[in-house]
Amino acid sequence: MRLGTVWVLSALAVFGLANARASAQEHPHHHLHHALWELRDARKELKEAKHDFGGHREKALKDINAAIKNLDMALKNAGDNIKGAPTRGDLAAEYKKYKHHPHIHHALHECKHAHKQLAESKHDFGGYRAAAQRDIGLAITQLELCLKHHKAP
């Protein structure tokens, strides 16, 4: 009986360490996923805003939609699930860092990381890497312009 208990506890400890290591390792395309999630939230934030961000809202929405489309295609071609999303509680502290438009700010942050990850990647993402990189770059420009011309609520 005692030997069985020791064996079970040892197995659980090894399993726990393996899970801890696996969860500590980030997904190989984590920046692309984070950018995709935040672009979706930024799109919603832009659509719901009562002002046009100095005339940049429509162009920003167009470029965000293109970036989302190409990130979707790139991640699908890499075999990734594009439907998942982070737990909002995980990002609550991040969003509190920003005085206004937290999703636009955080999308900008995540898009810069995704742009860099695409530039450094050896993976072609089914031929969508260049288009995703281009559209993320355009979305970054528009998000920066929107934040520059925001009006306080």
N, C-alpha and C. Protein backbone atom coordinates (compact mmCIF):
# COMPACT_ATOMS: atom_id res chain seq x y z
N MET A 1 0.82 -1.19 0.00
CA MET A 1 0.00 0.00 0.00
C MET A 1 0.87 1.25 0.00
N ARG A 2 1.86 1.25 0.86
CA ARG A 2 2.74 2.41 0.96
C ARG A 2 3.51 2.64 -0.34
N LEU A 3 3.99 1.58 -0.95
CA LEU A 3 4.73 1.68 -2.21
C LEU A 3 3.84 2.23 -3.31
N GLY A 4 2.59 1.82 -3.34
CA GLY A 4 1.64 2.32 -4.32
C GLY A 4 1.40 3.81 -4.15
N THR A 5 1.30 4.28 -2.92
CA THR A 5 1.10 5.70 -2.64
C THR A 5 2.31 6.51 -3.09
N VAL A 6 3.49 6.01 -2.80
CA VAL A 6 4.71 6.70 -3.22
C VAL A 6 4.78 6.77 -4.74
N TRP A 7 4.42 5.67 -5.41
CA TRP A 7 4.45 5.65 -6.87
C TRP A 7 3.46 6.66 -7.45
N VAL A 8 2.26 6.71 -6.91
CA VAL A 8 1.23 7.65 -7.39
C VAL A 8 1.70 9.09 -7.17
N LEU A 9 2.23 9.39 -6.00
CA LEU A 9 2.72 10.75 -5.72
C LEU A 9 3.87 11.13 -6.63
N SER A 10 4.76 10.19 -6.90
CA SER A 10 5.88 10.45 -7.82
C SER A 10 5.37 10.73 -9.22
N ALA A 11 4.42 9.93 -9.66
CA ALA A 11 3.85 10.12 -11.00
C ALA A 11 3.18 11.49 -11.09
N LEU A 12 2.44 11.87 -10.07
CA LEU A 12 1.78 13.18 -10.07
C LEU A 12 2.80 14.31 -10.09
N ALA A 13 3.89 14.15 -9.37
CA ALA A 13 4.93 15.19 -9.34
C ALA A 13 5.56 15.34 -10.72
N VAL A 14 5.88 14.22 -11.37
CA VAL A 14 6.47 14.27 -12.71
C VAL A 14 5.48 14.89 -13.69
N PHE A 15 4.22 14.48 -13.62
CA PHE A 15 3.18 15.03 -14.50
C PHE A 15 3.04 16.54 -14.27
N GLY A 16 3.08 16.96 -13.01
CA GLY A 16 2.97 18.39 -12.68
C GLY A 16 4.12 19.19 -13.25
N LEU A 17 5.34 18.65 -13.17
CA LEU A 17 6.49 19.34 -13.73
C LEU A 17 6.40 19.44 -15.25
N ALA A 18 5.94 18.38 -15.88
CA ALA A 18 5.79 18.40 -17.34
C ALA A 18 4.77 19.44 -17.75
N ASN A 19 3.66 19.53 -17.03
CA ASN A 19 2.64 20.54 -17.35
C ASN A 19 3.15 21.95 -17.09
N ALA A 20 3.91 22.13 -16.02
CA ALA A 20 4.45 23.45 -15.71
C ALA A 20 5.39 23.91 -16.83
N ARG A 21 6.22 22.99 -17.33
CA ARG A 21 7.12 23.34 -18.42
C ARG A 21 6.35 23.66 -19.69
N ALA A 22 5.33 22.86 -19.98
CA ALA A 22 4.54 23.08 -21.20
C ALA A 22 3.80 24.41 -21.14
N SER A 23 3.25 24.76 -19.99
CA SER A 23 2.51 26.02 -19.91
C SER A 23 3.46 27.21 -19.90
N ALA A 24 4.69 27.00 -19.44
CA ALA A 24 5.65 28.10 -19.43
C ALA A 24 6.14 28.43 -20.84
N GLN A 25 6.12 27.42 -21.72
CA GLN A 25 6.55 27.65 -23.10
C GLN A 25 5.41 28.30 -23.85
N GLU A 26 5.71 29.34 -24.58
CA GLU A 26 4.69 30.03 -25.34
C GLU A 26 4.48 29.35 -26.68
N HIS A 27 3.31 29.52 -27.21
CA HIS A 27 2.98 28.99 -28.53
C HIS A 27 3.93 29.62 -29.54
N PRO A 28 4.35 28.90 -30.56
CA PRO A 28 5.32 29.46 -31.52
C PRO A 28 4.81 30.71 -32.26
N HIS A 29 3.50 30.88 -32.34
CA HIS A 29 2.95 32.06 -33.04
C HIS A 29 2.15 32.93 -32.08
N HIS A 30 2.56 32.98 -30.81
CA HIS A 30 1.75 33.67 -29.81
C HIS A 30 1.54 35.15 -30.12
N HIS A 31 2.52 35.82 -30.68
CA HIS A 31 2.33 37.24 -31.00
C HIS A 31 1.28 37.42 -32.10
N LEU A 32 1.24 36.51 -33.03
CA LEU A 32 0.24 36.60 -34.09
C LEU A 32 -1.16 36.39 -33.52
N HIS A 33 -1.29 35.45 -32.60
CA HIS A 33 -2.59 35.22 -31.96
C HIS A 33 -3.02 36.43 -31.13
N HIS A 34 -2.11 36.96 -30.36
CA HIS A 34 -2.45 38.12 -29.53
C HIS A 34 -2.83 39.32 -30.39
N ALA A 35 -2.11 39.53 -31.47
CA ALA A 35 -2.46 40.63 -32.37
C ALA A 35 -3.84 40.41 -32.97
N LEU A 36 -4.13 39.20 -33.36
CA LEU A 36 -5.44 38.88 -33.94
C LEU A 36 -6.56 39.17 -32.94
N TRP A 37 -6.40 38.72 -31.70
CA TRP A 37 -7.42 38.96 -30.67
C TRP A 37 -7.61 40.45 -30.41
N GLU A 38 -6.50 41.15 -30.30
CA GLU A 38 -6.60 42.58 -29.98
C GLU A 38 -7.12 43.39 -31.17
N LEU A 39 -6.78 42.99 -32.38
CA LEU A 39 -7.33 43.69 -33.54
C LEU A 39 -8.84 43.54 -33.59
N ARG A 40 -9.34 42.38 -33.25
CA ARG A 40 -10.79 42.18 -33.21
C ARG A 40 -11.43 43.11 -32.18
N ASP A 41 -10.81 43.21 -31.01
CA ASP A 41 -11.35 44.10 -29.96
C ASP A 41 -11.20 45.57 -30.35
N ALA A 42 -10.09 45.92 -30.97
CA ALA A 42 -9.89 47.31 -31.41
C ALA A 42 -10.91 47.69 -32.47
N ARG A 43 -11.20 46.76 -33.36
CA ARG A 43 -12.22 47.00 -34.39
C ARG A 43 -13.56 47.33 -33.74
N LYS A 44 -13.93 46.56 -32.74
CA LYS A 44 -15.19 46.80 -32.03
C LYS A 44 -15.15 48.16 -31.33
N GLU A 45 -14.03 48.48 -30.70
CA GLU A 45 -13.88 49.75 -30.00
C GLU A 45 -14.00 50.92 -30.97
N LEU A 46 -13.39 50.80 -32.14
CA LEU A 46 -13.49 51.85 -33.16
C LEU A 46 -14.92 52.01 -33.66
N LYS A 47 -15.59 50.89 -33.92
CA LYS A 47 -16.97 50.95 -34.42
C LYS A 47 -17.91 51.60 -33.41
N GLU A 48 -17.67 51.36 -32.13
CA GLU A 48 -18.55 51.88 -31.08
C GLU A 48 -18.22 53.31 -30.66
N ALA A 49 -17.08 53.82 -31.09
CA ALA A 49 -16.68 55.18 -30.71
C ALA A 49 -17.63 56.20 -31.34
N LYS A 50 -17.84 57.30 -30.65
CA LYS A 50 -18.76 58.33 -31.13
C LYS A 50 -18.06 59.37 -32.01
N HIS A 51 -16.78 59.27 -32.20
CA HIS A 51 -16.06 60.23 -33.04
C HIS A 51 -15.26 59.49 -34.11
N ASP A 52 -14.71 60.23 -35.05
CA ASP A 52 -14.06 59.59 -36.20
C ASP A 52 -12.53 59.65 -36.17
N PHE A 53 -11.96 60.00 -35.03
CA PHE A 53 -10.50 59.97 -34.85
C PHE A 53 -9.79 60.80 -35.92
N GLY A 54 -10.25 62.02 -36.08
CA GLY A 54 -9.61 62.93 -37.04
C GLY A 54 -9.75 62.45 -38.48
N GLY A 55 -10.83 61.74 -38.76
CA GLY A 55 -11.05 61.24 -40.11
C GLY A 55 -10.35 59.92 -40.42
N HIS A 56 -9.75 59.29 -39.43
CA HIS A 56 -8.98 58.06 -39.65
C HIS A 56 -9.75 56.78 -39.33
N ARG A 57 -10.93 56.89 -38.78
CA ARG A 57 -11.64 55.69 -38.34
C ARG A 57 -11.93 54.72 -39.49
N GLU A 58 -12.47 55.20 -40.58
CA GLU A 58 -12.83 54.30 -41.69
C GLU A 58 -11.61 53.61 -42.29
N LYS A 59 -10.54 54.36 -42.48
CA LYS A 59 -9.31 53.76 -43.02
C LYS A 59 -8.72 52.76 -42.03
N ALA A 60 -8.79 53.10 -40.75
CA ALA A 60 -8.29 52.18 -39.73
C ALA A 60 -9.10 50.89 -39.75
N LEU A 61 -10.42 50.99 -39.83
CA LEU A 61 -11.27 49.80 -39.89
C LEU A 61 -10.96 48.94 -41.11
N LYS A 62 -10.74 49.60 -42.24
CA LYS A 62 -10.39 48.89 -43.48
C LYS A 62 -9.06 48.13 -43.31
N ASP A 63 -8.06 48.81 -42.78
CA ASP A 63 -6.75 48.18 -42.61
C ASP A 63 -6.76 47.10 -41.52
N ILE A 64 -7.53 47.32 -40.47
CA ILE A 64 -7.66 46.30 -39.42
C ILE A 64 -8.34 45.06 -39.99
N ASN A 65 -9.39 45.25 -40.78
CA ASN A 65 -10.07 44.10 -41.38
C ASN A 65 -9.12 43.31 -42.28
N ALA A 66 -8.31 44.01 -43.06
CA ALA A 66 -7.35 43.33 -43.94
C ALA A 66 -6.31 42.57 -43.11
N ALA A 67 -5.84 43.18 -42.03
CA ALA A 67 -4.85 42.51 -41.17
C ALA A 67 -5.46 41.27 -40.51
N ILE A 68 -6.70 41.39 -40.04
CA ILE A 68 -7.38 40.24 -39.44
C ILE A 68 -7.52 39.12 -40.46
N LYS A 69 -7.95 39.46 -41.66
CA LYS A 69 -8.13 38.45 -42.71
C LYS A 69 -6.83 37.71 -43.00
N ASN A 70 -5.74 38.46 -43.18
CA ASN A 70 -4.47 37.81 -43.52
C ASN A 70 -3.84 37.08 -42.34
N LEU A 71 -4.05 37.57 -41.12
CA LEU A 71 -3.59 36.81 -39.95
C LEU A 71 -4.38 35.51 -39.83
N ASP A 72 -5.69 35.59 -40.04
CA ASP A 72 -6.52 34.37 -40.03
C ASP A 72 -5.96 33.34 -41.01
N MET A 73 -5.73 33.77 -42.24
CA MET A 73 -5.25 32.86 -43.29
C MET A 73 -3.86 32.32 -42.97
N ALA A 74 -2.99 33.19 -42.48
CA ALA A 74 -1.63 32.74 -42.15
C ALA A 74 -1.67 31.69 -41.04
N LEU A 75 -2.44 31.95 -39.99
CA LEU A 75 -2.50 31.01 -38.88
C LEU A 75 -3.22 29.72 -39.27
N LYS A 76 -4.25 29.82 -40.09
CA LYS A 76 -4.92 28.60 -40.57
C LYS A 76 -3.93 27.74 -41.36
N ASN A 77 -3.13 28.38 -42.21
CA ASN A 77 -2.16 27.64 -43.01
C ASN A 77 -1.03 27.06 -42.17
N ALA A 78 -0.83 27.61 -40.99
CA ALA A 78 0.16 27.05 -40.06
C ALA A 78 -0.47 25.95 -39.21
N GLY A 79 -1.78 25.72 -39.39
CA GLY A 79 -2.47 24.69 -38.63
C GLY A 79 -2.93 25.13 -37.26
N ASP A 80 -2.98 26.44 -37.03
CA ASP A 80 -3.39 26.97 -35.72
C ASP A 80 -4.90 27.20 -35.65
N ASN A 81 -5.42 27.13 -34.44
CA ASN A 81 -6.81 27.46 -34.17
C ASN A 81 -6.93 28.97 -34.05
N ILE A 82 -7.79 29.60 -34.84
CA ILE A 82 -7.91 31.06 -34.81
C ILE A 82 -9.11 31.52 -34.00
N LYS A 83 -9.86 30.59 -33.44
CA LYS A 83 -11.09 30.96 -32.72
C LYS A 83 -10.86 31.21 -31.24
N GLY A 84 -9.76 30.79 -30.69
CA GLY A 84 -9.51 30.96 -29.27
C GLY A 84 -9.30 32.41 -28.90
N ALA A 85 -9.38 32.69 -27.63
CA ALA A 85 -9.15 34.05 -27.13
C ALA A 85 -8.62 33.98 -25.71
N PRO A 86 -7.84 34.97 -25.31
CA PRO A 86 -7.33 34.97 -23.93
C PRO A 86 -8.46 35.24 -22.96
N THR A 87 -8.28 34.85 -21.74
CA THR A 87 -9.24 35.16 -20.70
C THR A 87 -9.14 36.65 -20.42
N ARG A 88 -10.24 37.32 -20.44
CA ARG A 88 -10.24 38.77 -20.24
C ARG A 88 -9.60 39.16 -18.91
N GLY A 89 -9.74 38.32 -17.90
CA GLY A 89 -9.12 38.61 -16.61
C GLY A 89 -7.61 38.68 -16.72
N ASP A 90 -7.05 37.90 -17.67
CA ASP A 90 -5.60 37.90 -17.87
C ASP A 90 -5.11 39.26 -18.36
N LEU A 91 -5.96 39.99 -19.05
CA LEU A 91 -5.55 41.26 -19.65
C LEU A 91 -6.07 42.48 -18.89
N ALA A 92 -6.82 42.27 -17.83
CA ALA A 92 -7.42 43.40 -17.10
C ALA A 92 -6.34 44.39 -16.64
N ALA A 93 -5.24 43.89 -16.14
CA ALA A 93 -4.16 44.78 -15.68
C ALA A 93 -3.54 45.54 -16.85
N GLU A 94 -3.42 44.88 -18.00
CA GLU A 94 -2.88 45.54 -19.19
C GLU A 94 -3.76 46.70 -19.61
N TYR A 95 -5.06 46.46 -19.65
CA TYR A 95 -5.99 47.48 -20.11
C TYR A 95 -6.03 48.69 -19.17
N LYS A 96 -5.78 48.47 -17.90
CA LYS A 96 -5.79 49.57 -16.93
C LYS A 96 -4.62 50.54 -17.14
N LYS A 97 -3.61 50.11 -17.88
CA LYS A 97 -2.45 50.97 -18.14
C LYS A 97 -2.81 52.16 -19.03
N TYR A 98 -3.90 52.03 -19.77
CA TYR A 98 -4.26 53.04 -20.76
C TYR A 98 -5.43 53.89 -20.27
N LYS A 99 -5.32 55.19 -20.44
CA LYS A 99 -6.37 56.10 -19.98
C LYS A 99 -7.60 56.06 -20.88
N HIS A 100 -7.42 55.76 -22.14
CA HIS A 100 -8.52 55.73 -23.10
C HIS A 100 -8.26 54.68 -24.16
N HIS A 101 -9.28 54.15 -24.76
CA HIS A 101 -9.21 53.17 -25.85
C HIS A 101 -8.20 52.05 -25.58
N PRO A 102 -8.41 51.28 -24.52
CA PRO A 102 -7.42 50.26 -24.16
C PRO A 102 -7.18 49.22 -25.24
N HIS A 103 -8.22 48.86 -25.98
CA HIS A 103 -8.03 47.83 -27.01
C HIS A 103 -7.24 48.36 -28.20
N ILE A 104 -7.44 49.61 -28.52
CA ILE A 104 -6.66 50.21 -29.61
C ILE A 104 -5.19 50.28 -29.21
N HIS A 105 -4.95 50.75 -27.98
CA HIS A 105 -3.57 50.82 -27.49
C HIS A 105 -2.92 49.44 -27.47
N HIS A 106 -3.65 48.46 -26.92
CA HIS A 106 -3.04 47.14 -26.78
C HIS A 106 -2.90 46.45 -28.14
N ALA A 107 -3.83 46.70 -29.06
CA ALA A 107 -3.70 46.16 -30.41
C ALA A 107 -2.44 46.69 -31.07
N LEU A 108 -2.18 47.97 -30.88
CA LEU A 108 -0.97 48.58 -31.43
C LEU A 108 0.27 47.88 -30.87
N HIS A 109 0.28 47.69 -29.58
CA HIS A 109 1.39 47.00 -28.91
C HIS A 109 1.58 45.58 -29.47
N GLU A 110 0.49 44.83 -29.55
CA GLU A 110 0.58 43.44 -30.02
C GLU A 110 0.91 43.37 -31.51
N CYS A 111 0.41 44.30 -32.29
CA CYS A 111 0.71 44.30 -33.73
C CYS A 111 2.19 44.53 -33.99
N LYS A 112 2.81 45.37 -33.20
CA LYS A 112 4.25 45.60 -33.37
C LYS A 112 5.03 44.32 -33.11
N HIS A 113 4.62 43.57 -32.09
CA HIS A 113 5.28 42.28 -31.81
C HIS A 113 5.01 41.28 -32.93
N ALA A 114 3.78 41.25 -33.42
CA ALA A 114 3.43 40.31 -34.49
C ALA A 114 4.20 40.64 -35.77
N HIS A 115 4.32 41.93 -36.07
CA HIS A 115 5.05 42.36 -37.26
C HIS A 115 6.50 41.87 -37.19
N LYS A 116 7.09 42.01 -36.01
CA LYS A 116 8.46 41.56 -35.81
C LYS A 116 8.56 40.04 -35.90
N GLN A 117 7.58 39.33 -35.32
CA GLN A 117 7.61 37.87 -35.37
C GLN A 117 7.49 37.38 -36.81
N LEU A 118 6.66 38.02 -37.60
CA LEU A 118 6.53 37.64 -39.01
C LEU A 118 7.83 37.91 -39.77
N ALA A 119 8.46 39.04 -39.49
CA ALA A 119 9.71 39.39 -40.16
C ALA A 119 10.82 38.39 -39.84
N GLU A 120 10.83 37.88 -38.62
CA GLU A 120 11.88 36.97 -38.19
C GLU A 120 11.56 35.50 -38.47
N SER A 121 10.33 35.22 -38.87
CA SER A 121 9.90 33.84 -39.07
C SER A 121 10.46 33.25 -40.36
N LYS A 122 10.80 31.97 -40.29
CA LYS A 122 11.22 31.25 -41.49
C LYS A 122 10.02 30.60 -42.17
N HIS A 123 8.91 30.55 -41.45
CA HIS A 123 7.67 29.94 -41.95
C HIS A 123 7.01 30.90 -42.94
N ASP A 124 6.48 30.37 -44.04
CA ASP A 124 5.83 31.19 -45.07
C ASP A 124 4.33 31.35 -44.83
N PHE A 125 3.76 30.57 -43.91
CA PHE A 125 2.34 30.62 -43.57
C PHE A 125 1.46 30.47 -44.80
N GLY A 126 1.80 29.50 -45.63
CA GLY A 126 1.00 29.22 -46.82
C GLY A 126 0.98 30.36 -47.82
N GLY A 127 2.02 31.17 -47.82
CA GLY A 127 2.09 32.29 -48.75
C GLY A 127 1.45 33.57 -48.23
N TYR A 128 0.98 33.56 -46.97
CA TYR A 128 0.30 34.73 -46.41
C TYR A 128 1.19 35.60 -45.53
N ARG A 129 2.43 35.20 -45.35
CA ARG A 129 3.31 35.98 -44.46
C ARG A 129 3.50 37.41 -44.94
N ALA A 130 3.82 37.60 -46.20
CA ALA A 130 4.07 38.95 -46.72
C ALA A 130 2.82 39.82 -46.65
N ALA A 131 1.67 39.26 -47.01
CA ALA A 131 0.42 40.03 -46.96
C ALA A 131 0.05 40.38 -45.53
N ALA A 132 0.23 39.43 -44.61
CA ALA A 132 -0.07 39.69 -43.21
C ALA A 132 0.86 40.78 -42.67
N GLN A 133 2.13 40.67 -43.01
CA GLN A 133 3.10 41.66 -42.54
C GLN A 133 2.77 43.06 -43.09
N ARG A 134 2.43 43.12 -44.36
CA ARG A 134 2.06 44.40 -44.98
C ARG A 134 0.83 44.99 -44.30
N ASP A 135 -0.22 44.18 -44.13
CA ASP A 135 -1.47 44.70 -43.57
C ASP A 135 -1.35 45.03 -42.09
N ILE A 136 -0.54 44.29 -41.37
CA ILE A 136 -0.29 44.64 -39.96
C ILE A 136 0.43 45.98 -39.90
N GLY A 137 1.38 46.20 -40.80
CA GLY A 137 2.08 47.49 -40.85
C GLY A 137 1.13 48.64 -41.13
N LEU A 138 0.20 48.44 -42.05
CA LEU A 138 -0.80 49.47 -42.36
C LEU A 138 -1.72 49.70 -41.16
N ALA A 139 -2.12 48.62 -40.50
CA ALA A 139 -2.97 48.75 -39.31
C ALA A 139 -2.24 49.50 -38.21
N ILE A 140 -0.96 49.23 -38.03
CA ILE A 140 -0.16 49.95 -37.02
C ILE A 140 -0.20 51.44 -37.30
N THR A 141 0.03 51.82 -38.55
CA THR A 141 0.01 53.24 -38.92
C THR A 141 -1.34 53.87 -38.59
N GLN A 142 -2.43 53.20 -38.96
CA GLN A 142 -3.76 53.75 -38.72
C GLN A 142 -4.11 53.80 -37.24
N LEU A 143 -3.71 52.79 -36.48
CA LEU A 143 -3.96 52.81 -35.04
C LEU A 143 -3.21 53.96 -34.38
N GLU A 144 -1.98 54.19 -34.82
CA GLU A 144 -1.21 55.33 -34.28
C GLU A 144 -1.90 56.65 -34.60
N LEU A 145 -2.41 56.78 -35.82
CA LEU A 145 -3.11 58.01 -36.21
C LEU A 145 -4.41 58.19 -35.42
N CYS A 146 -5.13 57.10 -35.21
CA CYS A 146 -6.35 57.19 -34.42
C CYS A 146 -6.06 57.65 -33.00
N LEU A 147 -5.03 57.09 -32.40
CA LEU A 147 -4.68 57.50 -31.03
C LEU A 147 -4.20 58.94 -30.98
N LYS A 148 -3.51 59.37 -32.02
CA LYS A 148 -3.03 60.75 -32.09
C LYS A 148 -4.21 61.72 -32.15
N HIS A 149 -5.28 61.33 -32.82
CA HIS A 149 -6.42 62.22 -33.03
C HIS A 149 -7.65 61.86 -32.20
N HIS A 150 -7.45 61.11 -31.12
CA HIS A 150 -8.61 60.71 -30.30
C HIS A 150 -9.18 61.92 -29.57
N LYS A 151 -10.46 61.79 -29.22
CA LYS A 151 -11.10 62.80 -28.38
C LYS A 151 -11.48 62.13 -27.10
N ALA A 152 -11.21 62.80 -26.00
CA ALA A 152 -11.54 62.22 -24.71
C ALA A 152 -13.05 62.08 -24.60
N PRO A 153 -13.51 60.94 -24.06
CA PRO A 153 -14.97 60.72 -23.96
C PRO A 153 -15.63 61.67 -22.97
